Protein backbone atom coordinates (compact mmCIF):
# COMPACT_ATOMS: atom_id res chain seq x y z
CA MET A 1 -10.03 14.47 7.66
CA THR A 2 -8.27 14.03 4.30
CA LEU A 3 -8.39 11.37 1.63
CA SER A 4 -5.29 9.42 0.76
CA SER A 5 -4.03 9.52 -2.83
CA SER A 6 -4.67 5.83 -3.26
CA PRO A 7 -7.91 4.64 -1.62
CA THR A 8 -8.54 0.97 -1.01
CA LEU A 9 -11.69 -0.81 -2.15
CA ILE A 10 -12.70 -3.96 -0.30
CA PHE A 11 -15.42 -6.23 -1.66
CA LEU A 12 -17.08 -7.37 1.57
CA GLY A 13 -19.60 -9.50 -0.30
CA THR A 14 -20.27 -10.18 -3.96
CA GLY A 15 -23.41 -12.32 -3.97
CA ALA A 16 -27.11 -11.80 -4.53
CA ALA A 17 -29.94 -11.32 -2.04
CA TRP A 18 -29.96 -14.93 -0.77
CA ARG A 19 -26.17 -15.47 -0.90
CA THR A 20 -24.70 -18.56 -2.53
CA PRO A 21 -24.76 -21.44 -2.09
CA GLU A 22 -28.33 -21.14 -0.88
CA TRP A 23 -29.23 -23.21 2.16
CA GLY A 24 -30.60 -26.61 1.12
CA CYS A 25 -30.61 -25.82 -2.60
CA GLY A 26 -29.56 -28.72 -4.80
CA CYS A 27 -29.24 -26.83 -8.09
CA VAL A 28 -26.06 -27.37 -10.11
CA ASN A 29 -24.50 -24.09 -8.97
CA CYS A 30 -25.25 -24.43 -5.27
CA ALA A 31 -24.29 -28.10 -5.11
CA HIS A 32 -20.99 -27.37 -6.83
CA LEU A 33 -20.17 -24.38 -4.61
CA ARG A 34 -20.99 -26.40 -1.51
CA ALA A 35 -18.73 -29.22 -2.69
CA ILE A 36 -15.72 -26.94 -3.26
CA GLY A 37 -16.35 -24.77 -0.17
CA GLU A 38 -16.91 -21.50 -2.03
CA GLN A 39 -19.49 -18.88 -1.10
CA ARG A 40 -20.65 -15.35 -1.80
CA LEU A 41 -22.24 -13.20 0.89
CA ARG A 42 -24.61 -10.34 0.08
CA THR A 43 -22.97 -7.57 -1.91
CA ALA A 44 -21.43 -4.74 0.12
CA LEU A 45 -18.36 -2.56 -0.41
CA TRP A 46 -15.90 -0.69 1.78
CA LEU A 47 -13.97 2.32 0.46
CA ASP A 48 -11.11 3.36 2.74
CA GLY A 49 -9.45 6.57 1.89
CA PRO A 50 -8.98 7.09 5.04
CA LEU A 51 -12.64 8.13 5.29
CA LYS A 52 -14.21 4.75 5.95
CA VAL A 53 -17.24 4.44 3.67
CA LEU A 54 -19.51 1.41 3.99
CA ILE A 55 -21.63 0.99 0.87
CA ASP A 56 -24.73 -1.02 1.77
CA CYS A 57 -25.22 -2.88 5.00
CA GLY A 58 -26.95 -6.21 4.58
CA PRO A 59 -27.66 -9.13 6.93
CA ASP A 60 -24.07 -10.43 6.61
CA ILE A 61 -22.40 -7.22 7.75
CA THR A 62 -21.02 -8.49 11.10
CA ASP A 63 -19.34 -11.49 9.47
CA GLN A 64 -18.03 -9.26 6.68
CA LEU A 65 -16.52 -6.68 9.01
CA MET A 66 -14.95 -9.37 11.19
CA ALA A 67 -13.52 -11.27 8.22
CA ASN A 68 -11.83 -8.12 6.93
CA HIS A 69 -10.76 -6.79 10.37
CA LEU A 70 -12.75 -3.57 9.94
CA ASP A 71 -14.06 -1.28 12.64
CA ARG A 72 -16.71 1.41 12.75
CA PRO A 73 -17.45 3.10 9.39
CA ASP A 74 -17.33 6.90 9.21
CA VAL A 75 -20.38 6.97 6.93
CA VAL A 76 -22.80 4.48 5.41
CA LEU A 77 -24.34 4.77 1.94
CA ILE A 78 -27.51 2.79 1.23
CA THR A 79 -28.19 2.29 -2.47
CA HIS A 80 -31.82 1.22 -2.10
CA GLU A 81 -34.47 -0.17 0.20
CA HIS A 82 -34.22 -3.93 -0.44
CA GLY A 83 -33.41 -5.94 2.68
CA ASP A 84 -30.09 -7.32 1.49
CA HIS A 85 -28.82 -3.74 1.33
CA TYR A 86 -29.94 -2.30 4.69
CA LEU A 87 -31.08 -4.98 7.16
CA GLY A 88 -27.66 -5.08 8.86
CA LEU A 89 -27.91 -1.53 10.17
CA ASP A 90 -29.01 -2.79 13.57
CA ASP A 91 -25.77 -4.80 13.82
CA LEU A 92 -23.80 -1.53 13.87
CA GLU A 93 -25.11 -1.13 17.43
CA VAL A 94 -21.99 -3.01 18.57
CA PHE A 95 -19.99 0.16 17.99
CA ARG A 96 -22.24 2.18 20.29
CA ARG A 97 -22.52 -0.45 23.02
CA ARG A 98 -18.77 -0.45 23.68
CA GLU A 99 -18.56 3.35 24.16
CA PRO A 100 -19.04 5.24 27.45
CA ALA A 101 -22.57 6.48 28.13
CA LYS A 102 -23.35 9.58 26.06
CA GLY A 103 -19.96 9.33 24.37
CA PHE A 104 -21.12 7.98 21.04
CA VAL A 105 -21.58 10.15 17.94
CA PRO A 106 -24.21 8.62 15.58
CA ILE A 107 -23.03 7.25 12.24
CA PRO A 108 -24.21 9.32 9.24
CA VAL A 109 -26.31 7.18 6.89
CA TYR A 110 -27.14 8.47 3.41
CA ALA A 111 -30.16 7.25 1.40
CA THR A 112 -32.87 8.74 -0.79
CA GLU A 113 -36.10 9.97 0.77
CA THR A 114 -37.95 7.04 -0.83
CA ALA A 115 -35.50 4.52 0.56
CA TRP A 116 -35.63 6.15 3.99
CA ARG A 117 -39.39 5.56 4.22
CA THR A 118 -38.74 1.82 4.23
CA ILE A 119 -35.60 1.97 6.35
CA GLU A 120 -37.14 4.24 8.96
CA ALA A 121 -40.23 2.07 9.27
CA ARG A 122 -37.94 -0.80 10.27
CA PHE A 123 -35.15 0.99 12.14
CA GLY A 124 -36.60 4.31 13.22
CA TYR A 125 -35.63 3.53 16.83
CA LEU A 126 -31.95 3.76 15.81
CA LEU A 127 -32.15 7.35 14.58
CA GLY A 128 -30.45 9.88 16.84
CA LYS A 129 -29.03 7.05 18.93
CA LEU A 130 -26.98 4.95 16.52
CA LEU A 131 -27.67 6.50 13.13
CA GLU A 132 -27.87 10.03 11.78
CA LYS A 133 -30.33 10.36 8.90
CA ARG A 134 -28.98 12.15 5.84
CA LEU A 135 -30.83 12.54 2.55
CA VAL A 136 -29.51 11.76 -0.91
CA GLN A 137 -30.70 13.68 -3.97
CA PRO A 138 -29.69 12.21 -7.34
CA GLY A 139 -27.36 14.51 -9.21
CA LEU A 140 -26.21 16.45 -6.13
CA ALA A 141 -22.93 15.74 -4.36
CA LEU A 142 -23.33 14.54 -0.78
CA ASP A 143 -22.87 17.10 1.97
CA GLY A 144 -20.67 16.60 5.01
CA LEU A 145 -17.75 14.78 3.35
CA PRO A 146 -14.08 15.82 3.08
CA ARG A 147 -13.36 18.28 0.30
CA ASP A 148 -11.17 15.80 -1.53
CA LEU A 149 -13.87 13.12 -1.67
CA ARG A 150 -16.83 13.90 -3.88
CA VAL A 151 -19.71 11.42 -3.95
CA ILE A 152 -22.56 11.96 -6.41
CA PRO A 153 -25.64 9.71 -6.53
CA PHE A 154 -27.28 8.97 -9.89
CA LYS A 155 -30.80 7.61 -10.38
CA THR A 156 -31.14 4.00 -11.47
CA ASP A 157 -34.08 1.79 -12.44
CA HIS A 158 -34.36 -1.26 -10.20
CA GLY A 159 -38.10 -1.68 -10.55
CA PRO A 160 -41.21 -0.37 -8.82
CA VAL A 161 -40.42 -1.87 -5.41
CA ALA A 162 -37.05 -0.11 -5.26
CA GLY A 163 -38.10 3.41 -6.17
CA GLY A 164 -35.27 4.86 -4.10
CA SER A 165 -32.47 3.10 -5.95
CA VAL A 166 -29.32 5.01 -6.85
CA GLY A 167 -25.78 4.29 -7.90
CA PHE A 168 -22.82 6.39 -6.79
CA VAL A 169 -19.93 8.14 -8.51
CA PHE A 170 -16.88 8.50 -6.27
CA GLU A 171 -14.40 11.18 -7.29
CA TYR A 172 -11.07 11.63 -5.57
CA PRO A 173 -7.67 13.20 -6.34
CA GLY A 174 -5.27 11.52 -8.74
CA ASN A 175 -1.84 12.36 -10.07
CA ASP A 176 -3.30 13.45 -13.42
CA GLY A 177 -6.58 14.95 -12.27
CA PRO A 178 -9.72 13.55 -10.66
CA ARG A 179 -10.26 9.79 -10.67
CA ARG A 180 -13.77 8.33 -10.73
CA LEU A 181 -15.26 5.07 -9.59
CA ILE A 182 -18.84 4.22 -10.59
CA TYR A 183 -20.84 1.78 -8.51
CA THR A 184 -24.17 0.82 -10.08
CA SER A 185 -25.56 -1.36 -7.29
CA ASP A 186 -28.63 -3.35 -8.41
CA PHE A 187 -30.18 -2.04 -11.60
CA LYS A 188 -31.71 -2.91 -14.96
CA ASP A 189 -31.28 0.54 -16.46
CA VAL A 190 -30.16 4.05 -15.58
CA VAL A 191 -32.45 7.03 -15.37
CA GLN A 192 -29.48 9.39 -15.08
CA ASP A 193 -26.29 8.75 -17.05
CA PRO A 194 -23.35 8.78 -14.61
CA ARG A 195 -21.04 10.03 -17.36
CA GLU A 196 -22.44 13.51 -16.89
CA PHE A 197 -20.22 13.69 -13.78
CA GLY A 198 -17.09 12.79 -15.73
CA PRO A 199 -15.57 9.71 -17.44
CA PRO A 200 -15.10 6.68 -15.18
CA ASP A 201 -11.74 5.09 -14.50
CA LEU A 202 -13.28 2.09 -12.73
CA LEU A 203 -16.72 0.50 -12.81
CA VAL A 204 -18.19 -1.83 -10.20
CA ALA A 205 -21.35 -3.23 -11.77
CA SER A 206 -24.12 -5.56 -10.69
CA CYS A 207 -24.20 -8.79 -12.72
CA HIS A 208 -26.99 -11.08 -11.54
CA TRP A 209 -27.00 -13.46 -14.53
CA LEU A 210 -24.76 -14.40 -17.42
CA ASN A 211 -27.63 -14.29 -19.94
CA GLU A 212 -30.49 -11.83 -20.10
CA PRO A 213 -33.64 -13.82 -19.13
CA VAL A 214 -36.93 -14.01 -21.01
CA THR A 215 -38.60 -12.36 -18.03
CA ASN A 216 -36.86 -10.11 -15.52
CA PRO A 217 -39.37 -9.32 -12.75
CA ALA A 218 -36.59 -8.49 -10.28
CA PHE A 219 -35.18 -5.77 -12.56
CA HIS A 220 -31.62 -7.08 -12.30
CA MET A 221 -28.70 -6.79 -14.70
CA SER A 222 -27.17 -9.61 -16.72
CA LEU A 223 -23.65 -9.62 -18.11
CA GLN A 224 -25.19 -9.82 -21.58
CA ARG A 225 -27.25 -6.67 -21.04
CA LEU A 226 -24.38 -4.90 -19.27
CA LEU A 227 -22.10 -4.94 -22.33
CA PRO A 228 -23.58 -1.88 -24.11
CA PHE A 229 -23.40 0.12 -20.86
CA ILE A 230 -19.69 -0.66 -20.52
CA ARG A 231 -19.10 0.30 -24.14
CA ALA A 232 -21.07 3.55 -23.86
CA TRP A 233 -19.48 4.58 -20.56
CA GLU A 234 -15.97 4.04 -21.96
CA VAL A 235 -14.51 2.71 -18.71
CA ARG A 236 -10.80 3.49 -18.79
CA GLU A 237 -9.09 0.94 -16.57
CA ARG A 238 -11.14 -1.98 -15.23
CA VAL A 239 -14.61 -3.38 -14.72
CA TYR A 240 -15.50 -5.34 -11.57
CA LEU A 241 -18.57 -7.58 -11.46
CA VAL A 242 -20.59 -8.17 -8.28
CA HIS A 243 -24.01 -9.45 -7.14
CA LEU A 244 -23.59 -12.79 -8.89
CA SER A 245 -26.45 -15.24 -8.37
CA ALA A 246 -27.17 -18.86 -9.22
CA GLY A 247 -30.07 -17.90 -11.47
CA ASP A 248 -28.84 -19.10 -14.87
CA PRO A 249 -30.32 -22.57 -15.57
CA HIS A 250 -28.27 -25.61 -16.41
CA PRO A 251 -29.84 -28.45 -18.47
CA GLY A 252 -32.96 -29.71 -16.71
CA GLU A 253 -33.30 -26.62 -14.51
CA GLY A 254 -35.11 -24.35 -16.99
CA GLY A 255 -38.77 -24.00 -17.85
CA GLY A 256 -39.74 -23.27 -14.26
CA ALA A 257 -38.23 -26.50 -12.88
CA ILE A 258 -36.60 -24.36 -10.20
CA LEU A 259 -38.26 -21.07 -9.32
CA LYS A 260 -35.07 -19.01 -9.08
CA LYS A 261 -33.84 -20.07 -12.53
CA ARG A 262 -34.69 -17.82 -15.49
CA ASP A 263 -34.65 -19.12 -19.05
CA PRO A 264 -32.41 -17.04 -21.34
CA LEU A 265 -33.95 -14.89 -24.04
CA ASP A 266 -31.11 -15.14 -26.58
CA PRO A 267 -28.17 -16.78 -24.81
CA LEU A 268 -24.58 -15.78 -25.43
CA ARG A 269 -22.61 -17.87 -27.91
CA ASP A 270 -18.95 -18.24 -28.76
CA GLY A 271 -17.40 -17.46 -32.14
CA ASP A 272 -18.51 -20.83 -33.51
CA GLY A 273 -22.13 -20.33 -32.52
CA ARG A 274 -22.00 -22.68 -29.54
CA LEU A 275 -23.77 -21.71 -26.33
CA LEU A 276 -21.45 -20.41 -23.64
CA ALA A 277 -21.31 -22.70 -20.63
CA ILE A 278 -23.02 -21.42 -17.51
CA PRO A 279 -20.31 -20.60 -14.93
CA ARG A 280 -20.60 -22.33 -11.58
CA ASP A 281 -17.81 -20.83 -9.47
CA GLN A 282 -15.30 -17.98 -9.24
CA GLU A 283 -12.78 -19.44 -11.69
CA GLU A 284 -15.43 -20.30 -14.27
CA TRP A 285 -17.07 -16.88 -13.92
CA GLN A 286 -13.72 -15.16 -14.51
CA ARG A 287 -13.03 -17.20 -17.64
CA ALA A 288 -16.56 -16.60 -18.93
CA ALA A 289 -16.39 -12.84 -18.33
CA GLU A 290 -13.05 -12.54 -20.10
CA LYS A 291 -14.39 -14.53 -23.05
CA VAL A 292 -17.58 -12.46 -23.26
CA PHE A 293 -15.59 -9.21 -23.21
CA ARG A 294 -13.28 -10.52 -25.92
CA LEU A 295 -16.18 -11.62 -28.15
CA ALA A 296 -17.84 -8.23 -27.61
CA GLY A 297 -14.67 -6.40 -28.63
CA LEU A 298 -14.23 -4.73 -25.24
CA ASP A 299 -10.60 -3.90 -24.50
CA VAL A 300 -11.07 -2.92 -20.84
CA PRO A 301 -9.98 -5.65 -18.39
CA VAL A 302 -12.68 -7.36 -16.32
CA THR A 303 -12.43 -8.87 -12.85
CA VAL A 304 -15.17 -10.99 -11.34
CA ALA A 305 -14.90 -9.83 -7.74
CA HIS A 306 -14.95 -12.35 -4.90
CA ASP A 307 -15.60 -11.84 -1.21
CA GLY A 308 -12.58 -10.28 0.44
CA LEU A 309 -10.98 -8.99 -2.75
CA THR A 310 -8.98 -5.85 -1.96
CA THR A 311 -7.69 -3.46 -4.59
CA ARG A 312 -6.15 -0.02 -4.84
CA VAL A 313 -8.33 2.33 -6.82
CA GLY A 314 -5.97 5.29 -6.92
């Protein structure tokens, strides 16, 4: 199996753990999204090169695969042991059920040993039948992949209840040498700098909030806090933002008025000192991200990914 010179990246989902709009939620964001018919499913990616790599497998995976006309993945990478990243593994059983008896080869699933303790407790009955357990060790390239696709996990900090969290560096052939895509998944910080595996051409980064909150018990990343990472990593071509939530408060929603809203610590402002408006939808998020990058002096283009976005990464 060989990798094409120009892999395709599909954003299956770009939302947070409870998707947006959240069922029954009347906050400004959810009400607006419901009114305009826009949604974000849980974040998951698909890298097709032609090795079909599914990156995270949450509860929306069947709808995501159907919407994008995708079939069985060749491998699955699980970034960490939170439910929105692995609870859809059981749905992959559809690929086994349609095969002749004893004709199915289990799908290799890569995760850290810590993450596997949680995953196996829930889905141990799938091992050897549907799934093949493979271990991830931060800093070491994954075994069992084509020679022209190198995938290296790097350790991230996503809090004490996600001790198995990792991001991934994907390296594949390019016309002028290796090309690299970094995917952070959910994180608040990195334990291992992904730049040690080479400079990134593309970055797909978690962006739960616009503003860094006063308290961050979920250990998620805000766009505000992400800026120094982007600057330090010197991303060459483009930054994509995923895992957007509805957690930034609008007037009247702060101060604990709605549990999921987090008051900002030192909110972003424009050049005149005015607070940046909280984005409510895809278009507003894109405008806000471009403005924030411009104010921060970042020259790299930014795209706020949406569900179903497909792009060439070669």
